[in-house]
Amino acid sequence: MHIPAFCAFLAIVAEFFGGLGLIFGFLARIAALGIFTNMVVAIAMVHHQFGFFMNWTGEQKGEGYEYHLPVLAITVFLMIRGAGAASLDRILSSAEKALPEECKLPENKHMKDTAGRITAPQLWWVMTSSHHAVRLLAEQSITNAGLCLKDFAALEALLHKGPLTITQIQEKVLLASGSMTAAIDRLEKRGLLVRKSTSSDRRARIVELTQEVHD
């Protein structure tokens, strides 16, 4: 991948010590930044070319960036809010802010620190909002390219799986036969794919992308 040795070393350090930092809640914001940077670089240099989905079926040439997006959402949340109430960061911070006895308020007037307590619904809301934002961005990008979601799904299947029959594409993108045929017709008119006969079975016709799409 032609990554400089020093940058590769930094990536290993960020992933190893960043993971430990997040587990124990020590320097959580810095640890989250390291993991965030690793994920962004991994998407940009490796995983974007394999599409959104991970290699669930074992038929893709590599893993998509589906896994990386929730990790990015979690690390952004941690960089903003910091570690939780049981973290080393919070314990050390509380120890540093200990007031002299003469400056302390009566026990019943202490305000409880709830800023660092992250509940499961809050985390779920952040991850759901991040997923929604990414989905809207992806749909807008597809629309700007003059495609509908059905057309894009067919193109992605052909890009990652290679030449397929219409039936095989239909099984992978879960579209009805009529909708799939209409999508293939639209893409063929735009010169994005072609239908070809196969030497093994003359009755079957496969669909493959044109060189324009690969370029």
Protein backbone atom coordinates (compact mmCIF):
# COMPACT_ATOMS: atom_id res chain seq x y z
CA MET A 1 0.00 0.00 0.00
CA HIS A 2 3.10 2.23 -0.02
CA ILE A 3 2.44 3.61 3.47
CA PRO A 4 5.53 5.16 5.12
CA ALA A 5 6.86 3.03 7.97
CA PHE A 6 6.38 5.85 10.48
CA CYS A 7 2.70 6.29 9.51
CA ALA A 8 2.14 2.53 9.75
CA PHE A 9 3.70 2.58 13.23
CA LEU A 10 1.39 5.43 14.28
CA ALA A 11 -1.62 3.47 13.00
CA ILE A 12 -0.60 0.42 15.08
CA VAL A 13 -0.07 2.57 18.17
CA ALA A 14 -3.41 4.34 17.71
CA GLU A 15 -5.28 1.06 17.25
CA PHE A 16 -3.61 -0.78 20.16
CA PHE A 17 -3.36 1.95 22.79
CA GLY A 18 -6.52 3.64 21.53
CA GLY A 19 -8.44 0.42 22.16
CA LEU A 20 -6.99 0.14 25.68
CA GLY A 21 -7.78 3.80 26.31
CA LEU A 22 -11.42 3.31 25.35
CA ILE A 23 -11.74 0.15 27.46
CA PHE A 24 -10.43 1.81 30.62
CA GLY A 25 -11.65 5.31 29.84
CA PHE A 26 -8.15 6.80 30.01
CA LEU A 27 -7.41 9.76 27.71
CA ALA A 28 -10.64 8.77 26.00
CA ARG A 29 -10.87 11.78 23.68
CA ILE A 30 -7.32 11.23 22.38
CA ALA A 31 -7.93 7.48 22.04
CA ALA A 32 -11.18 8.16 20.13
CA LEU A 33 -9.35 10.58 17.82
CA GLY A 34 -6.75 7.89 17.03
CA ILE A 35 -9.41 5.28 16.22
CA PHE A 36 -11.38 7.87 14.21
CA THR A 37 -8.29 8.70 12.12
CA ASN A 38 -7.58 5.00 11.50
CA MET A 39 -11.14 4.41 10.29
CA VAL A 40 -11.11 7.42 7.94
CA VAL A 41 -7.77 6.37 6.42
CA ALA A 42 -8.96 2.75 6.08
CA ILE A 43 -12.10 3.85 4.21
CA ALA A 44 -10.20 6.27 1.95
CA MET A 45 -7.32 3.93 1.07
CA VAL A 46 -8.90 0.46 1.09
CA HIS A 47 -12.58 -0.14 1.77
CA HIS A 48 -14.37 2.50 -0.35
CA GLN A 49 -13.62 0.54 -3.52
CA PHE A 50 -15.60 -2.47 -2.25
CA GLY A 51 -18.83 -0.55 -1.69
CA PHE A 52 -20.94 -0.07 1.42
CA PHE A 53 -21.67 -3.62 2.56
CA MET A 54 -19.28 -5.96 4.35
CA ASN A 55 -18.39 -9.28 2.72
CA TRP A 56 -21.23 -11.19 4.40
CA THR A 57 -21.48 -13.85 1.69
CA GLY A 58 -17.73 -14.27 1.15
CA GLU A 59 -18.10 -13.50 -2.56
CA GLN A 60 -16.75 -9.92 -2.58
CA LYS A 61 -13.12 -9.09 -3.22
CA GLY A 62 -12.93 -7.19 0.07
CA GLU A 63 -14.89 -5.62 2.92
CA GLY A 64 -17.05 -2.52 2.46
CA TYR A 65 -17.18 0.39 4.92
CA GLU A 66 -20.45 -0.61 6.61
CA TYR A 67 -18.62 -1.48 9.87
CA HIS A 68 -16.58 1.72 9.92
CA LEU A 69 -19.53 4.14 10.01
CA PRO A 70 -20.86 3.19 13.48
CA VAL A 71 -17.27 3.27 14.79
CA LEU A 72 -16.92 6.81 13.41
CA ALA A 73 -20.20 7.82 15.08
CA ILE A 74 -19.11 6.40 18.44
CA THR A 75 -15.68 8.04 18.33
CA VAL A 76 -17.17 11.43 17.38
CA PHE A 77 -19.53 11.13 20.35
CA LEU A 78 -16.62 10.29 22.67
CA MET A 79 -14.50 13.15 21.35
CA ILE A 80 -17.36 15.55 22.14
CA ARG A 81 -18.63 14.16 25.45
CA GLY A 82 -15.61 12.34 26.82
CA ALA A 83 -15.60 9.11 28.84
CA GLY A 84 -18.34 7.97 31.22
CA ALA A 85 -18.77 8.29 34.97
CA ALA A 86 -16.84 5.07 35.77
CA SER A 87 -13.84 5.95 33.58
CA LEU A 88 -10.32 6.73 34.77
CA ASP A 89 -10.61 10.15 33.17
CA ARG A 90 -13.65 10.97 35.30
CA ILE A 91 -12.07 9.59 38.48
CA LEU A 92 -8.83 11.53 37.95
CA SER A 93 -10.75 14.67 37.03
CA SER A 94 -12.83 14.43 40.20
CA ALA A 95 -9.70 13.97 42.30
CA GLU A 96 -8.06 17.04 40.75
CA LYS A 97 -11.12 19.20 41.38
CA ALA A 98 -11.40 18.27 45.05
CA LEU A 99 -12.13 21.43 47.07
CA PRO A 100 -10.57 22.36 50.40
CA GLU A 101 -12.80 21.55 53.36
CA GLU A 102 -13.59 25.22 54.03
CA CYS A 103 -14.83 25.68 50.44
CA LYS A 104 -17.17 22.69 50.35
CA LEU A 105 -20.92 23.13 50.35
CA PRO A 106 -23.20 21.18 52.65
CA GLU A 107 -23.69 17.59 51.46
CA ASN A 108 -27.34 18.07 50.55
CA LYS A 109 -26.54 20.95 48.17
CA HIS A 110 -24.03 19.11 46.00
CA MET A 111 -25.12 18.83 42.39
CA LYS A 112 -24.66 15.41 40.89
CA ASP A 113 -22.47 15.27 37.82
CA THR A 114 -24.59 13.67 35.12
CA ALA A 115 -22.84 15.16 32.09
CA GLY A 116 -20.67 12.08 31.55
CA ARG A 117 -23.37 9.47 32.03
CA ILE A 118 -24.31 8.09 28.63
CA THR A 119 -27.47 6.02 28.49
CA ALA A 120 -28.21 3.33 25.92
CA PRO A 121 -31.08 5.35 24.34
CA GLN A 122 -28.75 8.35 23.88
CA LEU A 123 -26.12 6.20 22.16
CA TRP A 124 -28.81 4.56 20.01
CA TRP A 125 -30.11 7.99 18.99
CA VAL A 126 -26.63 9.19 17.97
CA MET A 127 -25.95 6.07 15.90
CA THR A 128 -29.41 6.19 14.28
CA SER A 129 -29.00 9.87 13.41
CA SER A 130 -25.56 9.18 11.91
CA HIS A 131 -26.94 6.31 9.82
CA HIS A 132 -29.84 8.50 8.64
CA ALA A 133 -27.49 11.33 7.63
CA VAL A 134 -25.19 8.96 5.70
CA ARG A 135 -28.18 7.35 3.97
CA LEU A 136 -29.54 10.73 2.84
CA LEU A 137 -26.10 11.73 1.59
CA ALA A 138 -25.76 8.48 -0.38
CA GLU A 139 -29.25 8.80 -1.88
CA GLN A 140 -28.57 12.41 -2.91
CA SER A 141 -25.30 11.38 -4.54
CA ILE A 142 -27.06 8.61 -6.48
CA THR A 143 -29.78 11.03 -7.60
CA ASN A 144 -27.20 13.58 -8.73
CA ALA A 145 -25.67 10.89 -10.94
CA GLY A 146 -29.03 10.52 -12.70
CA LEU A 147 -29.77 7.10 -11.22
CA CYS A 148 -32.51 5.68 -9.03
CA LEU A 149 -31.80 3.32 -6.14
CA LYS A 150 -32.79 0.25 -8.16
CA ASP A 151 -30.36 1.15 -10.93
CA PHE A 152 -27.56 1.81 -8.46
CA ALA A 153 -28.18 -1.51 -6.67
CA ALA A 154 -27.88 -3.38 -9.97
CA LEU A 155 -24.66 -1.55 -10.87
CA GLU A 156 -23.14 -2.24 -7.45
CA ALA A 157 -23.97 -5.95 -7.71
CA LEU A 158 -22.30 -6.17 -11.12
CA LEU A 159 -19.29 -4.13 -9.98
CA HIS A 160 -18.52 -6.40 -7.03
CA LYS A 161 -19.75 -9.77 -8.31
CA GLY A 162 -18.83 -9.52 -11.99
CA PRO A 163 -21.10 -10.53 -14.92
CA LEU A 164 -24.42 -11.98 -13.75
CA THR A 165 -27.73 -13.06 -15.19
CA ILE A 166 -30.78 -10.91 -14.50
CA THR A 167 -32.07 -13.60 -12.14
CA GLN A 168 -28.83 -13.56 -10.14
CA ILE A 169 -28.90 -9.76 -9.88
CA GLN A 170 -32.53 -9.94 -8.78
CA GLU A 171 -31.64 -12.38 -5.99
CA LYS A 172 -28.84 -10.14 -4.70
CA VAL A 173 -30.74 -6.83 -4.66
CA LEU A 174 -34.15 -8.35 -3.75
CA LEU A 175 -36.19 -6.78 -6.55
CA ALA A 176 -39.18 -8.18 -8.41
CA SER A 177 -38.54 -9.58 -11.88
CA GLY A 178 -40.37 -6.75 -13.68
CA SER A 179 -38.57 -4.02 -11.76
CA MET A 180 -35.20 -5.66 -12.33
CA THR A 181 -35.75 -5.98 -16.08
CA ALA A 182 -36.85 -2.33 -16.31
CA ALA A 183 -33.72 -1.23 -14.41
CA ILE A 184 -31.46 -3.26 -16.73
CA ASP A 185 -33.20 -1.74 -19.78
CA ARG A 186 -32.62 1.80 -18.47
CA LEU A 187 -28.96 1.14 -17.75
CA GLU A 188 -28.43 -0.50 -21.14
CA LYS A 189 -29.92 2.54 -22.91
CA ARG A 190 -27.46 4.75 -21.03
CA GLY A 191 -24.55 2.58 -22.16
CA LEU A 192 -23.63 1.51 -18.64
CA LEU A 193 -24.05 -2.23 -19.24
CA VAL A 194 -24.58 -4.75 -22.02
CA ARG A 195 -26.32 -8.08 -22.41
CA LYS A 196 -24.22 -10.92 -23.82
CA SER A 197 -24.74 -14.57 -24.67
CA THR A 198 -22.70 -17.24 -22.90
CA SER A 199 -20.86 -20.11 -24.58
CA SER A 200 -21.90 -22.53 -21.83
CA ASP A 201 -25.64 -21.89 -22.14
CA ARG A 202 -26.99 -20.19 -25.27
CA ARG A 203 -30.42 -19.79 -23.70
CA ALA A 204 -29.05 -17.63 -20.88
CA ARG A 205 -27.83 -14.07 -21.29
CA ILE A 206 -25.48 -12.41 -18.86
CA VAL A 207 -25.26 -8.74 -18.01
CA GLU A 208 -21.92 -7.01 -17.55
CA LEU A 209 -20.70 -3.46 -17.06
CA THR A 210 -19.25 -1.46 -19.94
CA GLN A 211 -15.74 -0.04 -19.84
CA GLU A 212 -17.27 3.41 -19.23
CA VAL A 213 -18.39 2.35 -15.74
CA HIS A 214 -14.99 0.84 -14.85
CA ASP A 215 -13.25 4.02 -15.98
